[in-house]
Amino acid sequence: METEKEIMNRVLTSSLVTFDLEEYFQPGDRVQIDVRDLLFQDLIIKEKDFREHIKSHNWSQYQDKLVAVYCSIDAIIPTWAYMLLAIALEPFARKIVFGDLHDLEEQLYKDELAKVNWSVYQDAKVVVKGCSKVDVPLSAYVEVTNKLRPIAASLMFGEPCSTVPLYKRKQ
């Protein structure tokens, strides 16, 4: 009589460590402010009008929001205009960046990845998870690669059950 062999889940018993960028996603409302809406004839900032807008605008609507400030057209915007917007937003917004929503997302990931204790991945076989419920910017994958490649024994992309090998340290 033959004995049945137990089916073993090799993924669960492997030494692979998964790095999931989705865990570093920052929840919160993301909004952008287009300076174009404050330009005179889509060309320039009129300082007096701009300062009046800063004074009269309801900045509390940005409470705890993640804010991107940019200009959607090619116009000459003085640096101080962006600085005044940042000053007005700072008491309310959780984060303010120069750029569009994509730039905001990149900065949020950069900030979170800067907090990672990378030493825990020393000599590990790391799989950078590929599927995510959130839109992870490509720059985050590059940043993770830059941090892990020098310390990990190997680096893969995908899911532990189906990986794409990227790097393996020479013995």
C-alpha atoms as a PDB file:
ATOM      1  CA  MET A   1       0.000   0.000   0.000  1.00  0.00           C
ATOM      2  CA  GLU A   2       1.428   3.370  -1.069  1.00  0.00           C
ATOM      3  CA  THR A   3       1.619   6.210   1.407  1.00  0.00           C
ATOM      4  CA  GLU A   4       0.463   9.606   0.222  1.00  0.00           C
ATOM      5  CA  LYS A   5       3.099  12.284   0.125  1.00  0.00           C
ATOM      6  CA  GLU A   6       2.135  15.503   1.824  1.00  0.00           C
ATOM      7  CA  ILE A   7       1.866  18.471  -0.502  1.00  0.00           C
ATOM      8  CA  MET A   8       4.252  21.127   0.676  1.00  0.00           C
ATOM      9  CA  ASN A   9       3.866  24.839   0.015  1.00  0.00           C
ATOM     10  CA  ARG A  10       7.418  25.694  -0.997  1.00  0.00           C
ATOM     11  CA  VAL A  11       6.628  29.432  -1.082  1.00  0.00           C
ATOM     12  CA  LEU A  12       5.717  29.433   2.613  1.00  0.00           C
ATOM     13  CA  THR A  13       8.818  27.479   3.566  1.00  0.00           C
ATOM     14  CA  SER A  14      11.238  29.436   1.381  1.00  0.00           C
ATOM     15  CA  SER A  15      13.646  32.010   2.722  1.00  0.00           C
ATOM     16  CA  LEU A  16      12.239  34.714   0.446  1.00  0.00           C
ATOM     17  CA  VAL A  17      11.408  38.067   1.995  1.00  0.00           C
ATOM     18  CA  THR A  18       8.703  40.138   0.301  1.00  0.00           C
ATOM     19  CA  PHE A  19       9.033  43.909   0.029  1.00  0.00           C
ATOM     20  CA  ASP A  20       5.559  45.299  -0.670  1.00  0.00           C
ATOM     21  CA  LEU A  21       5.541  48.920  -1.818  1.00  0.00           C
ATOM     22  CA  GLU A  22       1.788  49.077  -1.258  1.00  0.00           C
ATOM     23  CA  GLU A  23       2.535  49.129   2.480  1.00  0.00           C
ATOM     24  CA  TYR A  24       4.209  52.525   2.012  1.00  0.00           C
ATOM     25  CA  PHE A  25       1.218  54.157   0.311  1.00  0.00           C
ATOM     26  CA  GLN A  26       0.085  57.207   2.243  1.00  0.00           C
ATOM     27  CA  PRO A  27      -3.691  57.441   2.530  1.00  0.00           C
ATOM     28  CA  GLY A  28      -5.333  60.831   2.215  1.00  0.00           C
ATOM     29  CA  ASP A  29      -7.018  63.188  -0.178  1.00  0.00           C
ATOM     30  CA  ARG A  30      -4.745  64.342  -2.956  1.00  0.00           C
ATOM     31  CA  VAL A  31      -5.446  67.721  -4.548  1.00  0.00           C
ATOM     32  CA  GLN A  32      -3.602  70.005  -6.889  1.00  0.00           C
ATOM     33  CA  ILE A  33      -3.567  73.761  -7.224  1.00  0.00           C
ATOM     34  CA  ASP A  34      -2.968  75.050 -10.729  1.00  0.00           C
ATOM     35  CA  VAL A  35      -1.371  78.504 -10.614  1.00  0.00           C
ATOM     36  CA  ARG A  36      -2.754  79.053 -14.122  1.00  0.00           C
ATOM     37  CA  ASP A  37      -6.078  79.899 -12.474  1.00  0.00           C
ATOM     38  CA  LEU A  38      -4.390  82.877 -10.805  1.00  0.00           C
ATOM     39  CA  LEU A  39      -2.660  84.326 -13.866  1.00  0.00           C
ATOM     40  CA  PHE A  40      -3.576  87.510 -15.661  1.00  0.00           C
ATOM     41  CA  GLN A  41      -4.423  86.609 -19.288  1.00  0.00           C
ATOM     42  CA  ASP A  42      -2.681  83.228 -18.890  1.00  0.00           C
ATOM     43  CA  LEU A  43       0.643  85.091 -18.883  1.00  0.00           C
ATOM     44  CA  ILE A  44       1.733  86.626 -15.615  1.00  0.00           C
ATOM     45  CA  ILE A  45       1.077  86.993 -11.910  1.00  0.00           C
ATOM     46  CA  LYS A  46      -0.155  90.400 -10.886  1.00  0.00           C
ATOM     47  CA  GLU A  47       1.297  90.714  -7.416  1.00  0.00           C
ATOM     48  CA  LYS A  48      -1.523  92.799  -5.944  1.00  0.00           C
ATOM     49  CA  ASP A  49      -4.236  90.418  -7.235  1.00  0.00           C
ATOM     50  CA  PHE A  50      -2.246  87.355  -6.215  1.00  0.00           C
ATOM     51  CA  ARG A  51      -1.739  88.638  -2.676  1.00  0.00           C
ATOM     52  CA  GLU A  52      -5.443  89.450  -2.456  1.00  0.00           C
ATOM     53  CA  HIS A  53      -6.270  85.885  -3.477  1.00  0.00           C
ATOM     54  CA  ILE A  54      -3.915  84.556  -0.793  1.00  0.00           C
ATOM     55  CA  LYS A  55      -5.658  86.706   1.841  1.00  0.00           C
ATOM     56  CA  SER A  56      -9.240  85.940   0.813  1.00  0.00           C
ATOM     57  CA  HIS A  57      -9.033  82.264  -0.171  1.00  0.00           C
ATOM     58  CA  ASN A  58     -10.444  79.647   2.203  1.00  0.00           C
ATOM     59  CA  TRP A  59      -7.269  77.656   2.908  1.00  0.00           C
ATOM     60  CA  SER A  60      -8.971  75.516   5.542  1.00  0.00           C
ATOM     61  CA  GLN A  61     -10.448  73.423   2.721  1.00  0.00           C
ATOM     62  CA  TYR A  62      -6.971  71.863   2.445  1.00  0.00           C
ATOM     63  CA  GLN A  63      -6.998  70.621   6.047  1.00  0.00           C
ATOM     64  CA  ASP A  64      -4.995  67.351   6.249  1.00  0.00           C
ATOM     65  CA  LYS A  65      -4.805  67.077   2.456  1.00  0.00           C
ATOM     66  CA  LEU A  66      -1.817  66.180   0.323  1.00  0.00           C
ATOM     67  CA  VAL A  67      -1.330  69.124  -2.030  1.00  0.00           C
ATOM     68  CA  ALA A  68       0.514  69.492  -5.327  1.00  0.00           C
ATOM     69  CA  VAL A  69       1.128  73.043  -6.573  1.00  0.00           C
ATOM     70  CA  TYR A  70       1.993  73.497 -10.255  1.00  0.00           C
ATOM     71  CA  CYS A  71       1.268  75.519 -13.376  1.00  0.00           C
ATOM     72  CA  SER A  72      -0.275  73.715 -16.337  1.00  0.00           C
ATOM     73  CA  ILE A  73       0.913  76.240 -18.914  1.00  0.00           C
ATOM     74  CA  ASP A  74       4.241  77.701 -19.855  1.00  0.00           C
ATOM     75  CA  ALA A  75       4.173  81.005 -18.001  1.00  0.00           C
ATOM     76  CA  ILE A  76       6.707  83.009 -16.062  1.00  0.00           C
ATOM     77  CA  ILE A  77       5.836  82.492 -12.414  1.00  0.00           C
ATOM     78  CA  PRO A  78       8.047  84.214  -9.866  1.00  0.00           C
ATOM     79  CA  THR A  79       9.458  81.969  -7.171  1.00  0.00           C
ATOM     80  CA  TRP A  80       7.870  84.039  -4.421  1.00  0.00           C
ATOM     81  CA  ALA A  81       4.404  83.143  -5.741  1.00  0.00           C
ATOM     82  CA  TYR A  82       4.969  79.448  -5.027  1.00  0.00           C
ATOM     83  CA  MET A  83       6.448  80.374  -1.665  1.00  0.00           C
ATOM     84  CA  LEU A  84       3.379  82.444  -0.736  1.00  0.00           C
ATOM     85  CA  LEU A  85       1.121  79.527  -1.687  1.00  0.00           C
ATOM     86  CA  ALA A  86       3.178  77.195   0.499  1.00  0.00           C
ATOM     87  CA  ILE A  87       2.973  79.638   3.409  1.00  0.00           C
ATOM     88  CA  ALA A  88      -0.818  79.854   3.058  1.00  0.00           C
ATOM     89  CA  LEU A  89      -1.194  76.073   2.798  1.00  0.00           C
ATOM     90  CA  GLU A  90       1.270  75.052   5.526  1.00  0.00           C
ATOM     91  CA  PRO A  91      -1.042  75.480   8.546  1.00  0.00           C
ATOM     92  CA  PHE A  92      -3.600  73.188   6.923  1.00  0.00           C
ATOM     93  CA  ALA A  93      -2.104  70.751   4.415  1.00  0.00           C
ATOM     94  CA  ARG A  94      -0.425  67.552   5.591  1.00  0.00           C
ATOM     95  CA  LYS A  95       2.069  67.719   2.702  1.00  0.00           C
ATOM     96  CA  ILE A  96       2.822  70.316   0.015  1.00  0.00           C
ATOM     97  CA  VAL A  97       4.980  69.665  -3.038  1.00  0.00           C
ATOM     98  CA  PHE A  98       5.846  71.545  -6.173  1.00  0.00           C
ATOM     99  CA  GLY A  99       4.558  69.570  -9.137  1.00  0.00           C
ATOM    100  CA  ASP A 100       1.486  67.669 -10.256  1.00  0.00           C
ATOM    101  CA  LEU A 101      -0.246  64.719  -8.601  1.00  0.00           C
ATOM    102  CA  HIS A 102       2.321  62.292 -10.003  1.00  0.00           C
ATOM    103  CA  ASP A 103       5.138  64.346  -8.478  1.00  0.00           C
ATOM    104  CA  LEU A 104       3.227  64.373  -5.192  1.00  0.00           C
ATOM    105  CA  GLU A 105       2.932  60.576  -5.205  1.00  0.00           C
ATOM    106  CA  GLU A 106       6.627  60.196  -5.972  1.00  0.00           C
ATOM    107  CA  GLN A 107       7.543  62.478  -3.075  1.00  0.00           C
ATOM    108  CA  LEU A 108       5.232  60.655  -0.677  1.00  0.00           C
ATOM    109  CA  TYR A 109       6.915  57.345  -1.514  1.00  0.00           C
ATOM    110  CA  LYS A 110      10.369  58.897  -1.314  1.00  0.00           C
ATOM    111  CA  ASP A 111       9.580  60.218   2.165  1.00  0.00           C
ATOM    112  CA  GLU A 112       8.282  56.853   3.361  1.00  0.00           C
ATOM    113  CA  LEU A 113      11.147  54.858   1.870  1.00  0.00           C
ATOM    114  CA  ALA A 114      13.618  57.167   3.616  1.00  0.00           C
ATOM    115  CA  LYS A 115      12.269  55.813   6.930  1.00  0.00           C
ATOM    116  CA  VAL A 116      12.906  52.142   6.096  1.00  0.00           C
ATOM    117  CA  ASN A 117      15.498  50.247   8.116  1.00  0.00           C
ATOM    118  CA  TRP A 118      17.213  48.702   5.103  1.00  0.00           C
ATOM    119  CA  SER A 119      19.637  46.699   7.242  1.00  0.00           C
ATOM    120  CA  VAL A 120      16.930  44.092   7.916  1.00  0.00           C
ATOM    121  CA  TYR A 121      17.333  43.047   4.265  1.00  0.00           C
ATOM    122  CA  GLN A 122      21.072  42.398   4.628  1.00  0.00           C
ATOM    123  CA  ASP A 123      21.917  39.135   2.811  1.00  0.00           C
ATOM    124  CA  ALA A 124      18.224  38.383   2.243  1.00  0.00           C
ATOM    125  CA  LYS A 125      16.581  36.950  -0.851  1.00  0.00           C
ATOM    126  CA  VAL A 126      14.126  39.749  -1.553  1.00  0.00           C
ATOM    127  CA  VAL A 127      11.088  39.750  -3.817  1.00  0.00           C
ATOM    128  CA  VAL A 128       9.768  43.215  -4.613  1.00  0.00           C
ATOM    129  CA  LYS A 129       6.059  42.612  -4.933  1.00  0.00           C
ATOM    130  CA  GLY A 130       4.735  43.454  -8.367  1.00  0.00           C
ATOM    131  CA  CYS A 131       0.951  43.543  -8.003  1.00  0.00           C
ATOM    132  CA  SER A 132      -0.643  46.310  -5.999  1.00  0.00           C
ATOM    133  CA  LYS A 133      -4.089  47.724  -5.328  1.00  0.00           C
ATOM    134  CA  VAL A 134      -2.610  51.231  -5.504  1.00  0.00           C
ATOM    135  CA  ASP A 135      -0.710  52.927  -8.303  1.00  0.00           C
ATOM    136  CA  VAL A 136       2.921  52.799  -7.202  1.00  0.00           C
ATOM    137  CA  PRO A 137       5.174  55.194  -9.154  1.00  0.00           C
ATOM    138  CA  LEU A 138       8.034  53.616 -11.087  1.00  0.00           C
ATOM    139  CA  SER A 139      10.440  55.863  -9.219  1.00  0.00           C
ATOM    140  CA  ALA A 140       9.603  53.963  -6.015  1.00  0.00           C
ATOM    141  CA  TYR A 141      10.651  50.665  -7.632  1.00  0.00           C
ATOM    142  CA  VAL A 142      13.928  52.267  -8.742  1.00  0.00           C
ATOM    143  CA  GLU A 143      14.521  53.666  -5.244  1.00  0.00           C
ATOM    144  CA  VAL A 144      13.898  50.253  -3.655  1.00  0.00           C
ATOM    145  CA  THR A 145      16.274  48.667  -6.165  1.00  0.00           C
ATOM    146  CA  ASN A 146      18.973  51.225  -5.350  1.00  0.00           C
ATOM    147  CA  LYS A 147      18.619  50.497  -1.630  1.00  0.00           C
ATOM    148  CA  LEU A 148      18.378  46.702  -1.842  1.00  0.00           C
ATOM    149  CA  ARG A 149      20.914  45.815  -4.547  1.00  0.00           C
ATOM    150  CA  PRO A 150      23.994  46.629  -2.444  1.00  0.00           C
ATOM    151  CA  ILE A 151      22.810  44.639   0.597  1.00  0.00           C
ATOM    152  CA  ALA A 152      20.526  41.819  -0.567  1.00  0.00           C
ATOM    153  CA  ALA A 153      21.815  38.388  -1.550  1.00  0.00           C
ATOM    154  CA  SER A 154      19.333  38.368  -4.410  1.00  0.00           C
ATOM    155  CA  LEU A 155      16.637  40.594  -5.790  1.00  0.00           C
ATOM    156  CA  MET A 156      13.527  39.497  -7.669  1.00  0.00           C
ATOM    157  CA  PHE A 157      10.351  41.108  -8.922  1.00  0.00           C
ATOM    158  CA  GLY A 158       6.826  39.721  -8.889  1.00  0.00           C
ATOM    159  CA  GLU A 159       5.148  37.331  -6.477  1.00  0.00           C
ATOM    160  CA  PRO A 160       6.969  34.648  -4.460  1.00  0.00           C
ATOM    161  CA  CYS A 161       5.275  31.966  -6.582  1.00  0.00           C
ATOM    162  CA  SER A 162       6.335  33.572  -9.866  1.00  0.00           C
ATOM    163  CA  THR A 163       9.354  35.846  -9.809  1.00  0.00           C
ATOM    164  CA  VAL A 164      11.551  37.553 -12.344  1.00  0.00           C
ATOM    165  CA  PRO A 165      15.178  37.343 -11.199  1.00  0.00           C
ATOM    166  CA  LEU A 166      16.915  40.724 -11.269  1.00  0.00           C
ATOM    167  CA  TYR A 167      20.135  40.380  -9.334  1.00  0.00           C
ATOM    168  CA  LYS A 168      22.123  37.720  -7.494  1.00  0.00           C
ATOM    169  CA  ARG A 169      25.265  38.512  -5.583  1.00  0.00           C
ATOM    170  CA  LYS A 170      28.318  36.602  -6.784  1.00  0.00           C
ATOM    171  CA  GLN A 171      29.652  34.090  -4.269  1.00  0.00           C
END
